[in-house]
Amino acid sequence: MATVKNVSVDQALELMGGGALMLDVREDSEWELGHAPQALHISLAEVPDRLDALDKDRLIVCVCRSGGRSSRAGQFLIEQGFDAVNLDGGMTAWAEQNKPLVADHGEPAIG
């Protein structure tokens, strides 16, 4: 069984610059507080039912708040035939490195 590889924030940005998709698997309330502008949001519980929204020919960078849920999502995606990596440290690491954040309402934050 292949395991999901962790990537740093800088590696994730490089991968996304090359066409990778950032998949944010946090809950709706977390997403609304703040997320990467280019991310696609599908909560972890919905991932198995939303595989048709993902492209098997595109690398997926999975992200959550700290990296635990996104690691599980990445592992699941790999088992389904996708190419996926996990953002080590999640959106917490993203925000700590002052990477872009947007929010649905108000000032973006990581909850």
N, C-alpha and C. Protein backbone atom coordinates (compact mmCIF):
# COMPACT_ATOMS: atom_id res chain seq x y z
N MET A 1 0.85 -1.19 0.00
CA MET A 1 0.00 0.00 0.00
C MET A 1 0.88 1.25 0.00
N ALA A 2 0.69 2.11 -0.97
CA ALA A 2 1.44 3.36 -1.05
C ALA A 2 0.95 4.32 0.02
N THR A 3 1.86 5.10 0.57
CA THR A 3 1.46 6.09 1.56
C THR A 3 1.57 7.48 0.94
N VAL A 4 0.76 8.38 1.46
CA VAL A 4 0.74 9.74 0.93
C VAL A 4 2.01 10.47 1.37
N LYS A 5 2.60 11.20 0.45
CA LYS A 5 3.82 11.96 0.71
C LYS A 5 3.45 13.34 1.24
N ASN A 6 4.19 13.80 2.25
CA ASN A 6 4.02 15.16 2.76
C ASN A 6 4.88 16.12 1.95
N VAL A 7 4.34 17.31 1.68
CA VAL A 7 5.09 18.35 1.00
C VAL A 7 5.01 19.63 1.82
N SER A 8 6.03 20.46 1.70
CA SER A 8 6.06 21.75 2.40
C SER A 8 5.17 22.76 1.67
N VAL A 9 4.96 23.89 2.31
CA VAL A 9 4.17 24.96 1.68
C VAL A 9 4.82 25.39 0.36
N ASP A 10 6.13 25.58 0.37
CA ASP A 10 6.81 25.99 -0.86
C ASP A 10 6.71 24.93 -1.96
N GLN A 11 6.84 23.65 -1.56
CA GLN A 11 6.68 22.58 -2.55
C GLN A 11 5.26 22.55 -3.10
N ALA A 12 4.27 22.76 -2.22
CA ALA A 12 2.88 22.78 -2.66
C ALA A 12 2.65 23.90 -3.67
N LEU A 13 3.18 25.07 -3.38
CA LEU A 13 3.04 26.20 -4.31
C LEU A 13 3.69 25.90 -5.65
N GLU A 14 4.84 25.26 -5.61
CA GLU A 14 5.52 24.89 -6.86
C GLU A 14 4.68 23.88 -7.64
N LEU A 15 4.13 22.90 -6.95
CA LEU A 15 3.28 21.90 -7.61
C LEU A 15 2.04 22.55 -8.22
N MET A 16 1.41 23.46 -7.47
CA MET A 16 0.22 24.14 -7.98
C MET A 16 0.58 25.04 -9.16
N GLY A 17 1.76 25.63 -9.13
CA GLY A 17 2.23 26.42 -10.26
C GLY A 17 2.38 25.58 -11.52
N GLY A 18 2.60 24.28 -11.31
CA GLY A 18 2.72 23.34 -12.42
C GLY A 18 1.42 22.67 -12.79
N GLY A 19 0.31 23.11 -12.17
CA GLY A 19 -0.99 22.59 -12.55
C GLY A 19 -1.70 21.73 -11.52
N ALA A 20 -1.06 21.48 -10.37
CA ALA A 20 -1.71 20.66 -9.34
C ALA A 20 -2.91 21.40 -8.75
N LEU A 21 -3.86 20.62 -8.26
CA LEU A 21 -5.07 21.14 -7.62
C LEU A 21 -4.90 21.10 -6.11
N MET A 22 -5.22 22.19 -5.42
CA MET A 22 -5.27 22.16 -3.96
C MET A 22 -6.69 21.79 -3.56
N LEU A 23 -6.82 20.71 -2.79
CA LEU A 23 -8.11 20.22 -2.31
C LEU A 23 -8.17 20.44 -0.80
N ASP A 24 -9.05 21.33 -0.37
CA ASP A 24 -9.23 21.65 1.05
C ASP A 24 -10.35 20.76 1.59
N VAL A 25 -10.01 19.89 2.55
CA VAL A 25 -10.98 18.92 3.07
C VAL A 25 -11.53 19.31 4.45
N ARG A 26 -11.36 20.55 4.84
CA ARG A 26 -11.89 21.00 6.13
C ARG A 26 -13.41 21.13 6.09
N GLU A 27 -13.98 21.31 7.26
CA GLU A 27 -15.43 21.50 7.37
C GLU A 27 -15.81 22.87 6.79
N ASP A 28 -17.09 23.03 6.45
CA ASP A 28 -17.57 24.28 5.85
C ASP A 28 -17.22 25.49 6.70
N SER A 29 -17.41 25.38 8.02
CA SER A 29 -17.16 26.53 8.90
C SER A 29 -15.68 26.93 8.87
N GLU A 30 -14.78 25.96 8.75
CA GLU A 30 -13.35 26.26 8.68
C GLU A 30 -13.02 26.94 7.35
N TRP A 31 -13.57 26.42 6.27
CA TRP A 31 -13.38 26.97 4.94
C TRP A 31 -13.82 28.43 4.89
N GLU A 32 -14.99 28.71 5.46
CA GLU A 32 -15.55 30.06 5.43
C GLU A 32 -14.66 31.07 6.15
N LEU A 33 -13.96 30.63 7.20
CA LEU A 33 -13.07 31.53 7.95
C LEU A 33 -11.90 32.00 7.10
N GLY A 34 -11.34 31.08 6.30
CA GLY A 34 -10.21 31.45 5.47
C GLY A 34 -9.65 30.26 4.74
N HIS A 35 -9.31 30.47 3.47
CA HIS A 35 -8.77 29.40 2.64
C HIS A 35 -7.88 29.98 1.55
N ALA A 36 -7.09 29.11 0.95
CA ALA A 36 -6.26 29.53 -0.18
C ALA A 36 -7.17 29.89 -1.34
N PRO A 37 -6.90 30.98 -2.04
CA PRO A 37 -7.80 31.44 -3.11
C PRO A 37 -8.00 30.43 -4.23
N GLN A 38 -7.00 29.61 -4.51
CA GLN A 38 -7.09 28.69 -5.63
C GLN A 38 -7.62 27.30 -5.25
N ALA A 39 -7.97 27.09 -3.99
CA ALA A 39 -8.36 25.76 -3.51
C ALA A 39 -9.79 25.39 -3.91
N LEU A 40 -10.01 24.09 -4.03
CA LEU A 40 -11.33 23.50 -4.20
C LEU A 40 -11.73 22.93 -2.85
N HIS A 41 -12.96 23.19 -2.42
CA HIS A 41 -13.41 22.71 -1.11
C HIS A 41 -14.34 21.52 -1.25
N ILE A 42 -13.93 20.40 -0.67
CA ILE A 42 -14.78 19.23 -0.50
C ILE A 42 -14.44 18.68 0.88
N SER A 43 -15.36 18.74 1.82
CA SER A 43 -15.06 18.27 3.17
C SER A 43 -14.69 16.80 3.15
N LEU A 44 -13.89 16.38 4.12
CA LEU A 44 -13.39 15.01 4.16
C LEU A 44 -14.51 13.99 4.04
N ALA A 45 -15.62 14.20 4.73
CA ALA A 45 -16.73 13.25 4.70
C ALA A 45 -17.35 13.13 3.31
N GLU A 46 -17.23 14.18 2.49
CA GLU A 46 -17.84 14.18 1.16
C GLU A 46 -16.92 13.65 0.07
N VAL A 47 -15.63 13.51 0.36
CA VAL A 47 -14.67 13.12 -0.68
C VAL A 47 -15.09 11.83 -1.40
N PRO A 48 -15.46 10.75 -0.68
CA PRO A 48 -15.82 9.52 -1.42
C PRO A 48 -16.98 9.70 -2.40
N ASP A 49 -17.91 10.60 -2.09
CA ASP A 49 -19.06 10.82 -2.97
C ASP A 49 -18.81 11.86 -4.05
N ARG A 50 -17.64 12.52 -4.02
CA ARG A 50 -17.38 13.61 -4.96
C ARG A 50 -16.17 13.34 -5.86
N LEU A 51 -15.78 12.08 -5.98
CA LEU A 51 -14.61 11.75 -6.79
C LEU A 51 -14.75 12.22 -8.23
N ASP A 52 -15.99 12.31 -8.71
CA ASP A 52 -16.22 12.76 -10.09
C ASP A 52 -15.85 14.23 -10.29
N ALA A 53 -15.67 14.98 -9.20
CA ALA A 53 -15.27 16.39 -9.29
C ALA A 53 -13.76 16.53 -9.43
N LEU A 54 -13.04 15.39 -9.35
CA LEU A 54 -11.58 15.41 -9.38
C LEU A 54 -11.07 14.74 -10.65
N ASP A 55 -9.92 15.21 -11.11
CA ASP A 55 -9.31 14.72 -12.35
C ASP A 55 -8.17 13.76 -12.00
N LYS A 56 -8.28 12.52 -12.45
CA LYS A 56 -7.23 11.53 -12.15
C LYS A 56 -5.91 11.86 -12.85
N ASP A 57 -5.93 12.75 -13.82
CA ASP A 57 -4.71 13.12 -14.53
C ASP A 57 -4.04 14.36 -13.92
N ARG A 58 -4.55 14.83 -12.78
CA ARG A 58 -4.02 16.04 -12.16
C ARG A 58 -3.58 15.73 -10.73
N LEU A 59 -2.37 16.10 -10.36
CA LEU A 59 -1.89 15.91 -9.00
C LEU A 59 -2.78 16.72 -8.04
N ILE A 60 -3.10 16.12 -6.90
CA ILE A 60 -3.94 16.78 -5.90
C ILE A 60 -3.12 17.02 -4.64
N VAL A 61 -3.08 18.27 -4.21
CA VAL A 61 -2.43 18.64 -2.94
C VAL A 61 -3.55 18.77 -1.91
N CYS A 62 -3.61 17.81 -1.00
CA CYS A 62 -4.66 17.81 0.02
C CYS A 62 -4.25 18.69 1.20
N VAL A 63 -5.22 19.42 1.76
CA VAL A 63 -4.93 20.31 2.88
C VAL A 63 -6.11 20.34 3.84
N CYS A 64 -5.79 20.45 5.14
CA CYS A 64 -6.80 20.68 6.18
C CYS A 64 -6.19 21.71 7.13
N ARG A 65 -6.61 21.73 8.39
CA ARG A 65 -6.06 22.73 9.31
C ARG A 65 -4.60 22.43 9.65
N SER A 66 -4.31 21.18 10.03
CA SER A 66 -2.94 20.87 10.46
C SER A 66 -2.28 19.72 9.72
N GLY A 67 -3.01 18.98 8.90
CA GLY A 67 -2.42 17.93 8.09
C GLY A 67 -2.94 16.53 8.36
N GLY A 68 -3.71 16.33 9.42
CA GLY A 68 -4.20 14.99 9.75
C GLY A 68 -5.31 14.50 8.83
N ARG A 69 -6.36 15.28 8.71
CA ARG A 69 -7.48 14.89 7.85
C ARG A 69 -7.06 14.84 6.39
N SER A 70 -6.23 15.78 5.98
CA SER A 70 -5.80 15.80 4.58
C SER A 70 -4.89 14.61 4.26
N SER A 71 -4.14 14.13 5.25
CA SER A 71 -3.34 12.94 5.04
C SER A 71 -4.26 11.74 4.78
N ARG A 72 -5.33 11.63 5.55
CA ARG A 72 -6.29 10.54 5.32
C ARG A 72 -6.95 10.68 3.95
N ALA A 73 -7.30 11.91 3.57
CA ALA A 73 -7.90 12.14 2.25
C ALA A 73 -6.93 11.74 1.14
N GLY A 74 -5.67 12.14 1.28
CA GLY A 74 -4.67 11.80 0.27
C GLY A 74 -4.47 10.31 0.14
N GLN A 75 -4.43 9.62 1.28
CA GLN A 75 -4.28 8.16 1.26
C GLN A 75 -5.46 7.52 0.54
N PHE A 76 -6.68 7.98 0.86
CA PHE A 76 -7.88 7.46 0.21
C PHE A 76 -7.82 7.70 -1.29
N LEU A 77 -7.43 8.91 -1.69
CA LEU A 77 -7.37 9.23 -3.12
C LEU A 77 -6.36 8.35 -3.85
N ILE A 78 -5.22 8.13 -3.23
CA ILE A 78 -4.21 7.24 -3.83
C ILE A 78 -4.79 5.85 -4.03
N GLU A 79 -5.52 5.36 -3.03
CA GLU A 79 -6.13 4.03 -3.13
C GLU A 79 -7.18 3.98 -4.24
N GLN A 80 -7.74 5.14 -4.61
CA GLN A 80 -8.74 5.20 -5.69
C GLN A 80 -8.10 5.48 -7.05
N GLY A 81 -6.78 5.54 -7.12
CA GLY A 81 -6.10 5.73 -8.39
C GLY A 81 -5.69 7.15 -8.71
N PHE A 82 -5.84 8.07 -7.75
CA PHE A 82 -5.42 9.46 -7.94
C PHE A 82 -3.97 9.63 -7.52
N ASP A 83 -3.34 10.68 -7.97
CA ASP A 83 -2.00 11.06 -7.55
C ASP A 83 -2.18 12.20 -6.56
N ALA A 84 -1.83 11.97 -5.28
CA ALA A 84 -2.10 12.96 -4.24
C ALA A 84 -0.93 13.07 -3.28
N VAL A 85 -0.76 14.28 -2.74
CA VAL A 85 0.20 14.56 -1.68
C VAL A 85 -0.52 15.33 -0.58
N ASN A 86 0.12 15.43 0.56
CA ASN A 86 -0.46 16.11 1.72
C ASN A 86 0.38 17.34 2.07
N LEU A 87 -0.29 18.47 2.30
CA LEU A 87 0.41 19.68 2.73
C LEU A 87 0.75 19.55 4.21
N ASP A 88 2.03 19.37 4.50
CA ASP A 88 2.51 19.21 5.86
C ASP A 88 2.24 20.48 6.67
N GLY A 89 1.53 20.33 7.79
CA GLY A 89 1.20 21.49 8.62
C GLY A 89 -0.09 22.18 8.22
N GLY A 90 -0.66 21.80 7.08
CA GLY A 90 -1.96 22.30 6.64
C GLY A 90 -2.04 23.81 6.50
N MET A 91 -3.26 24.30 6.65
CA MET A 91 -3.51 25.74 6.50
C MET A 91 -2.84 26.55 7.61
N THR A 92 -2.55 25.90 8.74
CA THR A 92 -1.81 26.58 9.81
C THR A 92 -0.42 26.97 9.29
N ALA A 93 0.27 26.03 8.66
CA ALA A 93 1.59 26.31 8.09
C ALA A 93 1.49 27.33 6.96
N TRP A 94 0.44 27.20 6.14
CA TRP A 94 0.21 28.13 5.03
C TRP A 94 0.10 29.57 5.56
N ALA A 95 -0.72 29.76 6.58
CA ALA A 95 -0.93 31.09 7.16
C ALA A 95 0.33 31.61 7.85
N GLU A 96 1.05 30.72 8.54
CA GLU A 96 2.28 31.13 9.23
C GLU A 96 3.33 31.64 8.25
N GLN A 97 3.27 31.16 7.01
CA GLN A 97 4.22 31.60 6.00
C GLN A 97 3.66 32.75 5.15
N ASN A 98 2.58 33.34 5.64
CA ASN A 98 1.97 34.52 5.01
C ASN A 98 1.58 34.30 3.55
N LYS A 99 1.07 33.11 3.26
CA LYS A 99 0.57 32.84 1.92
C LYS A 99 -0.85 33.38 1.80
N PRO A 100 -1.34 33.60 0.58
CA PRO A 100 -2.64 34.25 0.39
C PRO A 100 -3.80 33.48 1.02
N LEU A 101 -4.69 34.23 1.68
CA LEU A 101 -5.91 33.70 2.27
C LEU A 101 -7.07 34.58 1.88
N VAL A 102 -8.21 33.97 1.63
CA VAL A 102 -9.45 34.70 1.40
C VAL A 102 -10.51 34.11 2.31
N ALA A 103 -11.52 34.91 2.62
CA ALA A 103 -12.62 34.43 3.46
C ALA A 103 -13.94 34.75 2.79
N ASP A 104 -14.96 33.97 3.13
CA ASP A 104 -16.28 34.23 2.58
C ASP A 104 -16.86 35.53 3.13
N HIS A 105 -16.51 35.86 4.37
CA HIS A 105 -16.99 37.09 5.02
C HIS A 105 -15.92 37.60 5.95
N GLY A 106 -15.59 38.88 5.85
CA GLY A 106 -14.66 39.49 6.79
C GLY A 106 -13.20 39.14 6.54
N GLU A 107 -12.40 39.38 7.57
CA GLU A 107 -10.96 39.15 7.50
C GLU A 107 -10.65 37.66 7.56
N PRO A 108 -9.82 37.14 6.63
CA PRO A 108 -9.52 35.71 6.65
C PRO A 108 -8.74 35.29 7.90
N ALA A 109 -9.03 34.11 8.39
CA ALA A 109 -8.34 33.55 9.55
C ALA A 109 -8.36 32.03 9.42
N ILE A 110 -7.52 31.40 10.22
CA ILE A 110 -7.50 29.93 10.30
C ILE A 110 -8.01 29.58 11.69
N GLY A 111 -9.15 28.86 11.75
CA GLY A 111 -9.78 28.54 13.04
C GLY A 111 -9.18 27.37 13.74
